[in-house]
Amino acid sequence: MVYPARLLRIAGFLVAMVLCLGSPARAQIVAIGASNVAGKGVSSSDAWPAQLEGMLAAKGRSVHVTNAGISGDTNAGMLARLDSAVPEGTRIVLLDRRGGGWNARRRGQGDQNAELAAIEARLRSRHIRVIPMWWNEVLRNHLQPDQIHFTAEGHRVVAAHMLPAVMSAVR
């Protein structure tokens, strides 16, 4: 015979497990990079990681895209914060391969290609798929007045171009 107190403890345990584990079908994705990942100059909902999450949801993919972009970051900075920015359980990283090197060169810190390679190697050693952030010269038509950062439409263009690769990765 199951007693009411024991039944309540079992039910409580099951609820706690569901809350801790979340939805098992929900893929974890992290976008990491500099200001054009962070969404400098646009709202957080207009930044391409948020737009990509919305596009994936519209296609029936249950995913969460964490925006781990930091304006002004360098490849060395991304490497230093990689383990905290990309938690256990992350399946895919969307990597800005341009902004960190650009920021480092602007500060006289070199191109930081070795740091970028180390980022990719560390992610792959954790069995995390790396998808580079899409960038194309067409984005020059979608820049804010500073001629560096994407407009909301530029972020939409990035998200739309990344959508097929990310959909394929989260099957």
Protein backbone atom coordinates (compact mmCIF):
# COMPACT_ATOMS: atom_id res chain seq x y z
CA MET A 1 0.00 0.00 0.00
CA VAL A 2 1.33 3.47 -0.96
CA TYR A 3 0.86 6.01 1.79
CA PRO A 4 -0.23 9.61 0.99
CA ALA A 5 2.97 11.13 2.43
CA ARG A 6 5.12 8.84 0.31
CA LEU A 7 2.97 9.61 -2.76
CA LEU A 8 3.48 13.34 -2.16
CA ARG A 9 7.26 12.86 -1.86
CA ILE A 10 7.33 10.91 -5.14
CA ALA A 11 5.21 13.52 -6.90
CA GLY A 12 7.42 16.30 -5.54
CA PHE A 13 10.51 14.48 -6.76
CA LEU A 14 9.05 14.04 -10.25
CA VAL A 15 8.09 17.72 -10.47
CA ALA A 16 11.59 18.73 -9.34
CA MET A 17 13.14 16.47 -11.99
CA VAL A 18 11.02 17.99 -14.75
CA LEU A 19 11.91 21.52 -13.62
CA CYS A 20 15.62 20.73 -13.39
CA LEU A 21 15.89 18.88 -16.66
CA GLY A 22 13.63 21.06 -18.77
CA SER A 23 12.38 19.78 -22.08
CA PRO A 24 14.65 16.98 -23.34
CA ALA A 25 13.88 17.90 -26.97
CA ARG A 26 15.06 21.51 -26.54
CA ALA A 27 18.46 21.95 -28.18
CA GLN A 28 20.91 24.36 -26.58
CA ILE A 29 22.68 26.76 -28.93
CA VAL A 30 25.11 29.55 -27.99
CA ALA A 31 26.02 32.47 -30.25
CA ILE A 32 29.39 33.87 -29.20
CA GLY A 33 31.26 36.85 -30.55
CA ALA A 34 31.57 40.60 -30.43
CA SER A 35 29.18 43.52 -31.02
CA ASN A 36 27.40 42.20 -34.11
CA VAL A 37 26.42 39.14 -32.09
CA ALA A 38 25.50 41.19 -29.03
CA GLY A 39 23.31 43.43 -31.18
CA LYS A 40 24.97 46.78 -30.54
CA GLY A 41 22.63 49.57 -31.56
CA VAL A 42 19.49 47.41 -31.89
CA SER A 43 17.14 45.87 -29.35
CA SER A 44 18.03 42.45 -27.96
CA SER A 45 15.01 41.01 -29.79
CA ASP A 46 16.35 42.40 -33.08
CA ALA A 47 19.84 40.87 -32.69
CA TRP A 48 20.33 37.92 -35.04
CA PRO A 49 20.51 35.24 -32.30
CA ALA A 50 17.00 36.17 -31.10
CA GLN A 51 15.70 36.45 -34.65
CA LEU A 52 17.20 33.04 -35.47
CA GLU A 53 15.52 31.49 -32.43
CA GLY A 54 12.18 32.90 -33.63
CA MET A 55 12.74 31.61 -37.16
CA LEU A 56 13.61 28.15 -35.83
CA ALA A 57 10.48 28.12 -33.66
CA ALA A 58 8.38 29.08 -36.69
CA LYS A 59 9.84 26.01 -38.44
CA GLY A 60 8.91 23.77 -35.50
CA ARG A 61 12.37 23.48 -33.96
CA SER A 62 12.41 23.65 -30.16
CA VAL A 63 15.66 25.48 -29.44
CA HIS A 64 17.04 28.20 -27.25
CA VAL A 65 19.74 30.45 -28.70
CA THR A 66 21.75 32.11 -25.94
CA ASN A 67 23.34 35.39 -26.97
CA ALA A 68 26.88 35.39 -25.55
CA GLY A 69 28.06 38.35 -27.63
CA ILE A 70 29.98 41.15 -25.92
CA SER A 71 30.61 44.45 -27.68
CA GLY A 72 34.32 45.12 -28.10
CA ASP A 73 35.35 41.53 -27.35
CA THR A 74 38.45 39.99 -28.89
CA ASN A 75 39.24 36.38 -29.76
CA ALA A 76 41.44 36.25 -26.64
CA GLY A 77 38.50 37.50 -24.57
CA MET A 78 36.17 34.91 -26.08
CA LEU A 79 38.71 32.17 -25.40
CA ALA A 80 39.07 33.29 -21.78
CA ARG A 81 35.31 33.18 -21.16
CA LEU A 82 34.52 30.20 -23.38
CA ASP A 83 33.81 27.65 -20.67
CA SER A 84 31.47 29.97 -18.75
CA ALA A 85 29.75 31.29 -21.91
CA VAL A 86 29.22 27.81 -23.39
CA PRO A 87 27.77 25.64 -20.60
CA GLU A 88 27.59 21.85 -20.46
CA GLY A 89 24.77 20.57 -22.63
CA THR A 90 25.44 23.02 -25.44
CA ARG A 91 25.18 21.19 -28.76
CA ILE A 92 25.94 23.99 -31.23
CA VAL A 93 27.98 27.20 -31.14
CA LEU A 94 27.39 29.94 -33.67
CA LEU A 95 30.80 31.59 -33.85
CA ASP A 96 31.59 35.15 -34.93
CA ARG A 97 34.91 34.66 -36.71
CA ARG A 98 35.33 38.33 -37.68
CA GLY A 99 34.54 40.73 -34.84
CA GLY A 100 37.05 39.51 -32.26
CA GLY A 101 39.98 39.71 -34.66
CA TRP A 102 38.85 43.12 -35.91
CA ASN A 103 38.67 44.46 -32.34
CA ALA A 104 42.09 43.02 -31.50
CA ARG A 105 43.73 44.58 -34.58
CA ARG A 106 42.07 47.91 -33.79
CA ARG A 107 43.72 47.76 -30.35
CA GLY A 108 47.11 46.70 -31.74
CA GLN A 109 46.80 43.15 -30.37
CA GLY A 110 47.39 41.37 -33.67
CA ASP A 111 44.93 39.27 -35.64
CA GLN A 112 44.47 36.58 -32.93
CA ASN A 113 44.06 33.73 -35.41
CA ALA A 114 45.69 31.35 -32.92
CA GLU A 115 43.06 32.24 -30.32
CA LEU A 116 40.28 31.69 -32.85
CA ALA A 117 41.72 28.28 -33.73
CA ALA A 118 41.95 27.44 -30.00
CA ILE A 119 38.28 28.39 -29.53
CA GLU A 120 37.22 26.08 -32.33
CA ALA A 121 39.48 23.25 -31.14
CA ARG A 122 38.19 23.48 -27.55
CA LEU A 123 34.56 23.43 -28.71
CA ARG A 124 35.16 20.44 -30.97
CA SER A 125 36.96 18.59 -28.16
CA ARG A 126 33.71 19.00 -26.20
CA HIS A 127 31.81 17.52 -29.19
CA ILE A 128 30.10 20.84 -29.90
CA ARG A 129 29.30 21.60 -33.51
CA VAL A 130 30.69 24.96 -34.66
CA ILE A 131 28.77 26.93 -37.26
CA PRO A 132 30.42 30.18 -38.36
CA MET A 133 28.30 33.31 -38.29
CA TRP A 134 27.23 34.11 -41.84
CA TRP A 135 28.85 37.23 -43.26
CA ASN A 136 28.76 38.56 -46.77
CA GLU A 137 29.48 41.85 -48.52
CA VAL A 138 25.70 42.32 -48.95
CA LEU A 139 25.64 43.22 -45.24
CA ARG A 140 27.39 46.49 -46.10
CA ASN A 141 23.93 47.59 -47.31
CA HIS A 142 22.54 46.98 -43.81
CA LEU A 143 24.86 48.93 -41.52
CA GLN A 144 24.10 51.58 -38.95
CA PRO A 145 25.57 55.07 -39.50
CA ASP A 146 28.82 53.95 -37.79
CA GLN A 147 29.35 51.63 -40.81
CA ILE A 148 30.32 48.80 -38.45
CA HIS A 149 27.20 47.45 -36.78
CA PHE A 150 24.22 45.79 -38.44
CA THR A 151 20.79 47.36 -38.56
CA ALA A 152 17.83 45.27 -37.43
CA GLU A 153 17.34 44.31 -41.09
CA GLY A 154 21.01 43.29 -41.31
CA HIS A 155 20.51 41.05 -38.28
CA ARG A 156 17.45 39.53 -39.98
CA VAL A 157 19.53 38.83 -43.10
CA VAL A 158 22.21 37.07 -41.00
CA ALA A 159 19.59 34.97 -39.19
CA ALA A 160 17.85 34.03 -42.44
CA HIS A 161 21.11 32.91 -44.04
CA MET A 162 22.11 30.88 -40.97
CA LEU A 163 18.70 29.22 -40.66
CA PRO A 164 19.27 26.26 -43.06
CA ALA A 165 22.60 25.22 -41.48
CA VAL A 166 21.20 25.47 -37.96
CA MET A 167 17.99 23.60 -38.89
CA SER A 168 20.10 20.81 -40.32
CA ALA A 169 22.16 20.65 -37.14
CA VAL A 170 19.19 20.43 -34.75
CA ARG A 171 17.29 17.62 -36.49
